[in-house]
Amino acid sequence: MTNELMNDLQWRGLMYQQTDEEGLTKLLDEEKISLYCGVDPTADSMHIGHIVPLLTLRRFQMHGHQPILLVGGATGMIGDPSGRNEERQLQSTEQIDKNVEAIKVQMEQIFDFQSENGAKMVNNRDWIGQMSVIEFLRDYGKLISVNYMLAKESVASRLESGISFTEFSYTLIQAIDYNHLYNNFNCRVQIGGSDQWGNITSGLEVIRKTHEEETKAFGITIPLVTKADGTKFGKTAGGAVWLDAKKTSPYEFYQFWINTADADAVKYLKIFTFISREEIEALEVTVENEPHLRKAQKVLAEEMTKLIHGEEALNDALRITKALFSGDLKALSASEMKAAFKDVPSVGMAKEPKVIIDLIVEAGISTSKRQAREDVVNGAISVNGEKVTDVEYIIDAKDRLEDTFAIVRRGKKKYHMVQFQ
């Protein structure tokens, strides 16, 4: 059963480095284990780049193992130097606490907390925060040499540009976490992104040095997710794709996945979804033979939106998508329109009555008054989903959604947002 899990992880492209593949496979064959992944609360939401190790941890849970979710209330106050070429801005305790609570809610969307092997959530400030400087230096500082830490990629890459003692000590503090979970929760495996290899192996070193018996602890890293064209995964023109619906609406989230390139669709289905190998292989055939139908992208977008935001939010995203495709904006609420058209060209105007011809010329929607008249008479102009064919039509308060904006469409696909100030 467990080898089936390891084979599935390999097939999905989720295994990058392992400290002892043979030993881990044997352990998983023999018993159900606890294993963990940590997230530092550096923001009040995770983004999609954070969730690959977490989704991998969820796969272990689905095979009967118990996930421990560590939210770094202590490590988040210090900052991980991994993958960064400059120091992080330190955040206040209040902000970190707020971030921790927000991330906990997002974890609860992904994991099962109720079953026999329900996920446990822990905060490393509960043990790191109680430790004095003297305890830290005597009990742990003695275990790891400076030479050992200098050899870590996260530290070595920063020696030229500079690294504070605070961030230099990060790998040892994360090592204390693994040791604590090993002692108190019998945690046997740490999972992390490929940039966490140095931190994971530091944890194994501390466990080895603080236990007389032979330790059975392991580390796994997940490959960095990339796009086929070499550009960074998880970024859009508007920035990161967040799990928080206030930062990235479910509609925008859905659109991110539905717009996946054909070259990446199957890869992302393997990494991010829990659908079976047979289903993915069937979708792979459609990508090759019927790419115009975008079946793989639709399944990817639906599975991910449902996982992170729930069935109701997925239905809303599908309804907005359908309304935009058909041009029937009347089916949408003002807030849905605002979310759907966040990235279309936008222009500011004063809150005063304006003839439709003047408005679309001033907004740059039509190139001249002559062109604007033609567009209106020919039925090419719609305001908030309503066609306007009267060249004398006045745009005023009745057309301002939430008294702040209107959506003007020219032709079938060219949308503009007019923002009234």
Protein backbone atom coordinates (compact mmCIF):
# COMPACT_ATOMS: atom_id res chain seq x y z
CA MET A 1 0.00 0.00 0.00
CA THR A 2 2.72 2.43 0.97
CA ASN A 3 4.94 1.58 -1.96
CA GLU A 4 1.91 2.52 -4.01
CA LEU A 5 2.10 5.96 -2.32
CA MET A 6 5.83 6.35 -3.05
CA ASN A 7 5.30 5.22 -6.65
CA ASP A 8 2.46 7.72 -7.00
CA LEU A 9 4.61 10.55 -5.63
CA GLN A 10 7.36 9.66 -8.11
CA TRP A 11 4.88 9.51 -11.00
CA ARG A 12 3.47 12.90 -10.06
CA GLY A 13 6.97 14.41 -10.06
CA LEU A 14 6.82 15.25 -6.35
CA MET A 15 10.12 13.71 -5.20
CA TYR A 16 13.25 15.81 -5.53
CA GLN A 17 15.63 14.75 -2.74
CA GLN A 18 15.39 12.07 -0.06
CA THR A 19 17.80 11.47 2.80
CA ASP A 20 17.26 7.68 2.72
CA GLU A 21 14.78 6.37 0.15
CA GLU A 22 15.20 2.71 1.06
CA GLY A 23 14.88 3.35 4.81
CA LEU A 24 11.81 5.54 4.38
CA THR A 25 10.05 3.05 2.09
CA LYS A 26 10.71 0.29 4.65
CA LEU A 27 9.37 2.47 7.49
CA LEU A 28 6.21 3.34 5.56
CA ASP A 29 5.66 -0.34 4.77
CA GLU A 30 5.89 -1.27 8.44
CA GLU A 31 3.88 1.44 10.23
CA LYS A 32 1.67 4.49 10.08
CA ILE A 33 3.77 7.53 10.90
CA SER A 34 3.53 11.21 11.77
CA LEU A 35 5.26 13.64 9.43
CA TYR A 36 5.36 17.41 9.19
CA CYS A 37 5.68 20.46 7.02
CA GLY A 38 6.21 24.00 8.28
CA VAL A 39 4.96 27.34 7.00
CA ASP A 40 6.28 30.66 8.30
CA PRO A 41 3.55 33.31 8.70
CA THR A 42 5.35 36.04 6.77
CA ALA A 43 2.01 37.21 5.27
CA ASP A 44 -1.65 36.94 6.24
CA SER A 45 -2.23 34.38 3.48
CA MET A 46 -0.40 31.60 1.72
CA HIS A 47 -0.10 31.72 -2.05
CA ILE A 48 -0.19 28.79 -4.46
CA GLY A 49 3.60 28.44 -4.39
CA HIS A 50 3.35 27.43 -0.71
CA ILE A 51 0.91 24.59 -1.10
CA VAL A 52 2.83 21.91 -3.03
CA PRO A 53 4.54 20.46 0.09
CA LEU A 54 1.22 20.75 1.97
CA LEU A 55 -0.70 18.91 -0.76
CA THR A 56 2.02 16.24 -0.69
CA LEU A 57 1.54 15.95 3.07
CA ARG A 58 -2.20 15.55 2.42
CA ARG A 59 -1.43 12.61 0.10
CA PHE A 60 0.34 10.90 3.01
CA GLN A 61 -2.74 11.53 5.17
CA MET A 62 -4.96 9.93 2.53
CA HIS A 63 -2.78 6.81 2.86
CA GLY A 64 -3.33 6.64 6.63
CA HIS A 65 -0.41 8.70 7.97
CA GLN A 66 -0.83 11.67 10.32
CA PRO A 67 0.19 15.17 9.20
CA ILE A 68 1.55 17.73 11.64
CA LEU A 69 1.17 21.29 10.38
CA LEU A 70 3.70 23.62 11.92
CA VAL A 71 2.97 27.33 11.70
CA GLY A 72 6.14 29.22 12.55
CA GLY A 73 5.09 31.81 15.11
CA ALA A 74 8.75 31.87 16.26
CA THR A 75 10.67 31.27 13.00
CA GLY A 76 8.39 33.75 11.23
CA MET A 77 9.73 36.44 13.56
CA ILE A 78 13.30 35.71 12.42
CA GLY A 79 13.10 35.06 8.68
CA ASP A 80 14.37 32.19 6.56
CA PRO A 81 17.33 33.22 4.37
CA SER A 82 16.63 30.32 1.94
CA GLY A 83 16.08 31.51 -1.60
CA ARG A 84 16.58 35.18 -0.72
CA ASN A 85 19.41 37.58 -1.47
CA GLU A 86 18.49 40.14 1.17
CA GLU A 87 17.26 40.32 4.78
CA ARG A 88 13.55 40.05 5.45
CA GLN A 89 11.71 42.95 7.07
CA LEU A 90 10.90 41.91 10.64
CA GLN A 91 7.22 41.97 11.58
CA SER A 92 5.58 42.79 14.90
CA THR A 93 4.34 40.04 17.23
CA GLU A 94 0.77 41.27 16.68
CA GLN A 95 1.11 40.98 12.89
CA ILE A 96 2.67 37.51 13.15
CA ASP A 97 -0.21 36.37 15.40
CA LYS A 98 -2.74 37.70 12.91
CA ASN A 99 -0.93 35.90 10.07
CA VAL A 100 -0.85 32.63 12.06
CA GLU A 101 -4.64 32.70 12.55
CA ALA A 102 -5.27 33.41 8.86
CA ILE A 103 -2.98 30.56 7.75
CA LYS A 104 -4.65 28.14 10.18
CA VAL A 105 -8.00 28.77 8.47
CA GLN A 106 -6.43 27.98 5.08
CA MET A 107 -4.87 24.76 6.43
CA GLU A 108 -8.31 23.67 7.63
CA GLN A 109 -9.58 23.91 4.06
CA ILE A 110 -6.93 21.48 2.79
CA PHE A 111 -6.61 18.88 5.59
CA ASP A 112 -8.89 16.47 7.42
CA PHE A 113 -8.73 17.26 11.16
CA GLN A 114 -11.52 14.92 12.30
CA SER A 115 -10.57 11.34 11.41
CA GLU A 116 -8.43 8.87 13.34
CA ASN A 117 -5.31 10.23 11.62
CA GLY A 118 -6.61 13.81 11.70
CA ALA A 119 -4.06 16.57 11.19
CA LYS A 120 -2.50 18.31 14.20
CA MET A 121 -1.60 21.97 14.12
CA VAL A 122 1.28 23.32 16.20
CA ASN A 123 3.00 26.69 16.62
CA ASN A 124 6.76 26.64 17.27
CA ARG A 125 6.53 29.74 19.44
CA ASP A 126 5.06 27.39 22.08
CA TRP A 127 8.52 25.85 22.63
CA ILE A 128 11.02 28.23 20.99
CA GLY A 129 9.38 31.18 22.76
CA GLN A 130 10.01 29.60 26.18
CA MET A 131 13.73 29.05 25.56
CA SER A 132 16.33 31.42 27.00
CA VAL A 133 19.38 32.53 25.03
CA ILE A 134 21.60 30.53 27.39
CA GLU A 135 19.55 27.36 26.87
CA PHE A 136 19.66 27.87 23.11
CA LEU A 137 23.44 28.30 23.05
CA ARG A 138 24.26 25.51 25.56
CA ASP A 139 21.75 22.87 24.45
CA TYR A 140 21.75 23.45 20.69
CA GLY A 141 24.48 25.91 19.68
CA LYS A 142 27.07 23.32 20.75
CA LEU A 143 25.62 20.66 18.44
CA ILE A 144 26.23 22.40 15.10
CA SER A 145 29.56 23.87 14.01
CA VAL A 146 29.83 27.20 12.21
CA ASN A 147 31.62 25.35 9.39
CA TYR A 148 28.57 23.07 9.00
CA MET A 149 26.24 26.07 8.78
CA LEU A 150 28.49 27.96 6.36
CA ALA A 151 28.27 25.01 3.98
CA LYS A 152 24.47 25.37 3.77
CA GLU A 153 23.38 26.88 0.46
CA SER A 154 20.98 29.30 2.19
CA VAL A 155 23.91 30.76 4.16
CA ALA A 156 26.73 30.38 1.59
CA SER A 157 24.72 32.25 -1.08
CA ARG A 158 24.42 35.24 1.24
CA LEU A 159 28.00 35.57 2.46
CA GLU A 160 28.94 38.08 -0.21
CA SER A 161 25.88 40.33 0.16
CA GLY A 162 25.76 39.85 3.94
CA ILE A 163 23.65 37.90 6.41
CA SER A 164 22.74 38.87 9.97
CA PHE A 165 23.35 36.53 12.90
CA THR A 166 19.54 36.39 13.22
CA GLU A 167 19.02 34.80 9.80
CA PHE A 168 22.27 32.81 10.13
CA SER A 169 20.74 31.08 13.17
CA TYR A 170 17.49 30.21 11.36
CA THR A 171 18.54 26.73 10.22
CA LEU A 172 19.41 25.74 13.81
CA ILE A 173 16.09 27.02 15.13
CA GLN A 174 14.20 25.04 12.50
CA ALA A 175 16.33 22.02 13.48
CA ILE A 176 15.04 22.41 17.05
CA ASP A 177 11.50 22.18 15.65
CA TYR A 178 12.13 18.79 14.04
CA ASN A 179 13.80 17.53 17.22
CA HIS A 180 10.85 18.73 19.33
CA LEU A 181 8.31 17.03 17.05
CA TYR A 182 10.40 13.85 16.96
CA ASN A 183 10.46 13.75 20.78
CA ASN A 184 6.87 14.77 21.48
CA PHE A 185 4.88 13.51 18.49
CA ASN A 186 7.08 10.66 17.21
CA CYS A 187 7.38 12.67 13.98
CA ARG A 188 9.59 10.75 11.54
CA VAL A 189 9.61 12.77 8.31
CA GLN A 190 9.91 16.42 7.37
CA ILE A 191 8.66 17.56 3.95
CA GLY A 192 9.64 20.87 2.38
CA GLY A 193 10.32 22.69 -0.87
CA SER A 194 13.67 22.16 -2.58
CA ASP A 195 15.04 25.29 -0.87
CA GLN A 196 14.48 23.62 2.54
CA TRP A 197 17.01 20.79 2.09
CA GLY A 198 19.64 22.52 4.26
CA ASN A 199 17.14 23.17 7.07
CA ILE A 200 15.80 19.60 6.95
CA THR A 201 19.26 18.02 7.13
CA SER A 202 20.16 20.32 10.04
CA GLY A 203 17.13 18.94 11.85
CA LEU A 204 18.26 15.36 11.23
CA GLU A 205 21.74 16.25 12.53
CA VAL A 206 20.30 17.66 15.78
CA ILE A 207 18.08 14.58 16.23
CA ARG A 208 21.07 12.30 15.66
CA LYS A 209 23.22 14.16 18.19
CA THR A 210 20.60 14.36 20.94
CA HIS A 211 19.56 10.69 20.93
CA GLU A 212 21.62 7.72 21.98
CA GLU A 213 19.49 5.15 20.19
CA GLU A 214 19.54 4.76 16.41
CA THR A 215 17.16 7.39 15.07
CA LYS A 216 14.72 6.76 12.27
CA ALA A 217 14.04 10.22 10.92
CA PHE A 218 13.93 11.23 7.27
CA GLY A 219 13.67 14.21 4.97
CA ILE A 220 11.97 14.74 1.61
CA THR A 221 12.01 17.79 -0.63
CA ILE A 222 9.61 18.65 -3.45
CA PRO A 223 10.86 20.11 -6.76
CA LEU A 224 10.33 23.78 -7.48
CA VAL A 225 7.29 24.11 -9.75
CA THR A 226 8.13 25.86 -13.02
CA LYS A 227 6.31 26.72 -16.23
CA ALA A 228 7.25 25.06 -19.51
CA ASP A 229 8.30 28.44 -20.94
CA GLY A 230 10.73 29.02 -18.06
CA THR A 231 8.77 31.84 -16.42
CA LYS A 232 7.95 31.78 -12.71
CA PHE A 233 4.96 29.72 -11.62
CA GLY A 234 2.20 31.29 -9.52
CA LYS A 235 2.56 34.88 -10.68
CA THR A 236 0.13 36.94 -12.76
CA ALA A 237 0.20 40.52 -13.98
CA GLY A 238 -1.42 41.41 -10.66
CA GLY A 239 1.21 39.56 -8.59
CA ALA A 240 1.00 36.36 -6.56
CA VAL A 241 -2.06 34.10 -6.67
CA TRP A 242 -3.20 34.06 -3.02
CA LEU A 243 -5.42 31.57 -1.20
CA ASP A 244 -7.23 34.41 0.58
CA ALA A 245 -10.39 35.24 -1.39
CA LYS A 246 -9.99 38.95 -0.49
CA LYS A 247 -6.56 39.06 -2.15
CA THR A 248 -7.34 36.78 -5.13
CA SER A 249 -11.07 36.28 -5.71
CA PRO A 250 -12.31 32.73 -6.44
CA TYR A 251 -13.08 33.92 -10.00
CA GLU A 252 -9.50 35.17 -10.48
CA PHE A 253 -8.21 31.97 -8.87
CA TYR A 254 -10.29 29.88 -11.30
CA GLN A 255 -9.08 31.98 -14.23
CA PHE A 256 -5.44 31.47 -13.25
CA TRP A 257 -5.81 27.69 -13.56
CA ILE A 258 -8.08 27.67 -16.64
CA ASN A 259 -5.47 29.76 -18.48
CA THR A 260 -2.74 27.15 -17.90
CA ALA A 261 -0.76 26.45 -21.08
CA ASP A 262 -1.28 23.06 -22.75
CA ALA A 263 2.38 22.26 -22.06
CA ASP A 264 1.80 22.60 -18.28
CA ALA A 265 -1.77 21.29 -17.84
CA VAL A 266 -0.99 17.60 -17.24
CA LYS A 267 1.99 18.39 -15.03
CA TYR A 268 -0.16 20.64 -12.82
CA LEU A 269 -2.94 18.03 -12.64
CA LYS A 270 -0.37 15.59 -11.25
CA ILE A 271 1.12 18.04 -8.75
CA PHE A 272 -1.94 19.90 -7.48
CA THR A 273 -4.99 17.64 -7.78
CA PHE A 274 -6.03 14.41 -6.13
CA ILE A 275 -7.67 12.89 -9.20
CA SER A 276 -6.48 9.42 -10.19
CA ARG A 277 -3.70 8.46 -12.54
CA GLU A 278 -6.27 6.98 -14.96
CA GLU A 279 -8.23 10.24 -15.11
CA ILE A 280 -5.06 12.29 -15.66
CA GLU A 281 -3.83 9.95 -18.41
CA ALA A 282 -7.24 10.23 -20.14
CA LEU A 283 -7.01 14.04 -19.94
CA GLU A 284 -3.46 13.89 -21.32
CA VAL A 285 -4.91 12.28 -24.47
CA THR A 286 -7.39 15.16 -24.83
CA VAL A 287 -4.58 17.72 -24.55
CA GLU A 288 -2.83 16.00 -27.46
CA ASN A 289 -5.89 15.29 -29.63
CA GLU A 290 -8.45 17.99 -28.71
CA PRO A 291 -6.46 20.89 -27.20
CA HIS A 292 -9.13 23.41 -28.25
CA LEU A 293 -11.61 21.84 -25.78
CA ARG A 294 -9.24 22.60 -22.84
CA LYS A 295 -10.69 19.70 -20.85
CA ALA A 296 -7.56 19.29 -18.71
CA GLN A 297 -7.54 22.98 -17.80
CA LYS A 298 -11.24 22.91 -16.87
CA VAL A 299 -10.74 19.95 -14.53
CA LEU A 300 -7.63 21.59 -13.04
CA ALA A 301 -9.43 24.91 -12.44
CA GLU A 302 -12.51 23.23 -10.96
CA GLU A 303 -10.55 20.90 -8.67
CA MET A 304 -8.29 23.65 -7.33
CA THR A 305 -11.06 26.23 -6.82
CA LYS A 306 -13.23 23.66 -5.03
CA LEU A 307 -10.31 22.56 -2.82
CA ILE A 308 -9.27 26.05 -1.71
CA HIS A 309 -12.57 27.96 -1.79
CA GLY A 310 -15.32 25.31 -1.67
CA GLU A 311 -18.15 24.19 -3.95
CA GLU A 312 -20.22 27.39 -3.65
CA ALA A 313 -17.31 29.64 -4.64
CA LEU A 314 -16.54 27.35 -7.58
CA ASN A 315 -20.16 27.65 -8.76
CA ASP A 316 -19.91 31.45 -8.50
CA ALA A 317 -16.66 31.43 -10.52
CA LEU A 318 -18.30 29.25 -13.19
CA ARG A 319 -21.34 31.56 -13.32
CA ILE A 320 -19.15 34.66 -13.75
CA THR A 321 -17.12 32.90 -16.46
CA LYS A 322 -20.31 31.91 -18.31
CA ALA A 323 -21.76 35.44 -18.03
CA LEU A 324 -18.59 36.98 -19.45
CA PHE A 325 -18.43 34.44 -22.27
CA SER A 326 -22.03 35.13 -23.28
CA GLY A 327 -21.80 38.86 -22.60
CA ASP A 328 -24.77 38.68 -20.21
CA LEU A 329 -23.39 40.93 -17.47
CA LYS A 330 -26.87 41.52 -16.03
CA ALA A 331 -26.55 38.13 -14.34
CA LEU A 332 -23.69 39.47 -12.17
CA SER A 333 -23.72 41.54 -8.99
CA ALA A 334 -21.69 44.75 -8.78
CA SER A 335 -19.01 43.08 -6.63
CA GLU A 336 -18.74 40.18 -9.10
CA MET A 337 -18.31 42.63 -11.96
CA LYS A 338 -15.60 44.48 -10.07
CA ALA A 339 -13.72 41.21 -9.46
CA ALA A 340 -14.19 40.00 -13.03
CA PHE A 341 -12.96 43.24 -14.61
CA LYS A 342 -10.20 44.11 -12.18
CA ASP A 343 -7.51 43.83 -14.86
CA VAL A 344 -9.27 45.45 -17.86
CA PRO A 345 -8.22 48.95 -19.02
CA SER A 346 -9.49 51.52 -16.57
CA VAL A 347 -10.02 55.28 -16.72
CA GLY A 348 -11.08 57.81 -14.05
CA MET A 349 -13.85 60.39 -14.59
CA ALA A 350 -15.73 62.94 -12.52
CA LYS A 351 -19.18 62.05 -11.15
CA GLU A 352 -21.24 64.18 -13.53
CA PRO A 353 -23.83 63.37 -16.22
CA LYS A 354 -22.17 62.73 -19.56
CA VAL A 355 -23.49 61.91 -23.04
CA ILE A 356 -22.49 58.38 -24.06
CA ILE A 357 -20.61 59.66 -27.14
CA ASP A 358 -18.42 61.98 -25.04
CA LEU A 359 -17.79 59.32 -22.40
CA ILE A 360 -16.54 56.63 -24.78
CA VAL A 361 -14.29 59.08 -26.64
CA GLU A 362 -12.82 60.51 -23.40
CA ALA A 363 -12.31 56.98 -22.07
CA GLY A 364 -10.44 56.01 -25.25
CA ILE A 365 -13.00 53.31 -26.04
CA SER A 366 -13.78 54.82 -29.46
CA THR A 367 -11.16 56.79 -31.37
CA SER A 368 -13.32 59.77 -32.45
CA LYS A 369 -16.82 61.19 -32.12
CA ARG A 370 -17.67 59.93 -35.61
CA GLN A 371 -16.49 56.44 -34.68
CA ALA A 372 -18.33 56.68 -31.35
CA ARG A 373 -21.64 57.53 -33.09
CA GLU A 374 -21.18 54.61 -35.48
CA ASP A 375 -20.42 52.26 -32.59
CA VAL A 376 -23.53 53.33 -30.66
CA VAL A 377 -25.90 53.26 -33.67
CA ASN A 378 -24.56 49.85 -34.74
CA GLY A 379 -25.20 48.36 -31.28
CA ALA A 380 -21.51 47.84 -30.52
CA ILE A 381 -21.63 49.64 -27.13
CA SER A 382 -22.99 48.16 -23.88
CA VAL A 383 -22.99 49.70 -20.40
CA ASN A 384 -23.10 47.22 -17.52
CA GLY A 385 -24.40 44.57 -19.92
CA GLU A 386 -27.18 46.78 -21.39
CA LYS A 387 -26.86 47.73 -25.07
CA VAL A 388 -26.97 51.49 -25.72
CA THR A 389 -28.12 52.55 -29.22
CA ASP A 390 -29.26 56.13 -28.49
CA VAL A 391 -26.48 58.63 -29.28
CA GLU A 392 -28.09 61.10 -26.82
CA TYR A 393 -28.09 58.61 -23.92
CA ILE A 394 -26.87 60.22 -20.67
CA ILE A 395 -24.55 58.28 -18.36
CA ASP A 396 -25.37 59.35 -14.79
CA ALA A 397 -26.00 57.96 -11.29
CA LYS A 398 -28.30 55.18 -12.58
CA ASP A 399 -25.35 53.68 -14.49
CA ARG A 400 -22.81 53.92 -11.68
CA LEU A 401 -22.48 50.56 -9.91
CA GLU A 402 -21.95 51.09 -6.17
CA ASP A 403 -21.85 54.75 -7.27
CA THR A 404 -18.19 54.21 -8.24
CA PHE A 405 -17.78 52.42 -11.57
CA ALA A 406 -19.35 51.27 -14.83
CA ILE A 407 -18.33 48.53 -17.26
CA VAL A 408 -18.40 49.58 -20.93
CA ARG A 409 -18.03 47.00 -23.67
CA ARG A 410 -17.23 47.74 -27.30
CA GLY A 411 -17.79 44.88 -29.71
CA LYS A 412 -17.75 41.35 -28.35
CA LYS A 413 -14.69 41.27 -26.14
CA LYS A 414 -13.26 44.76 -25.47
CA TYR A 415 -14.13 45.78 -21.93
CA HIS A 416 -13.24 48.99 -20.09
CA MET A 417 -13.89 50.05 -16.51
CA VAL A 418 -14.83 53.70 -15.98
CA GLN A 419 -14.15 54.71 -12.38
CA PHE A 420 -16.09 57.72 -11.13
CA GLN A 421 -14.39 59.94 -8.55
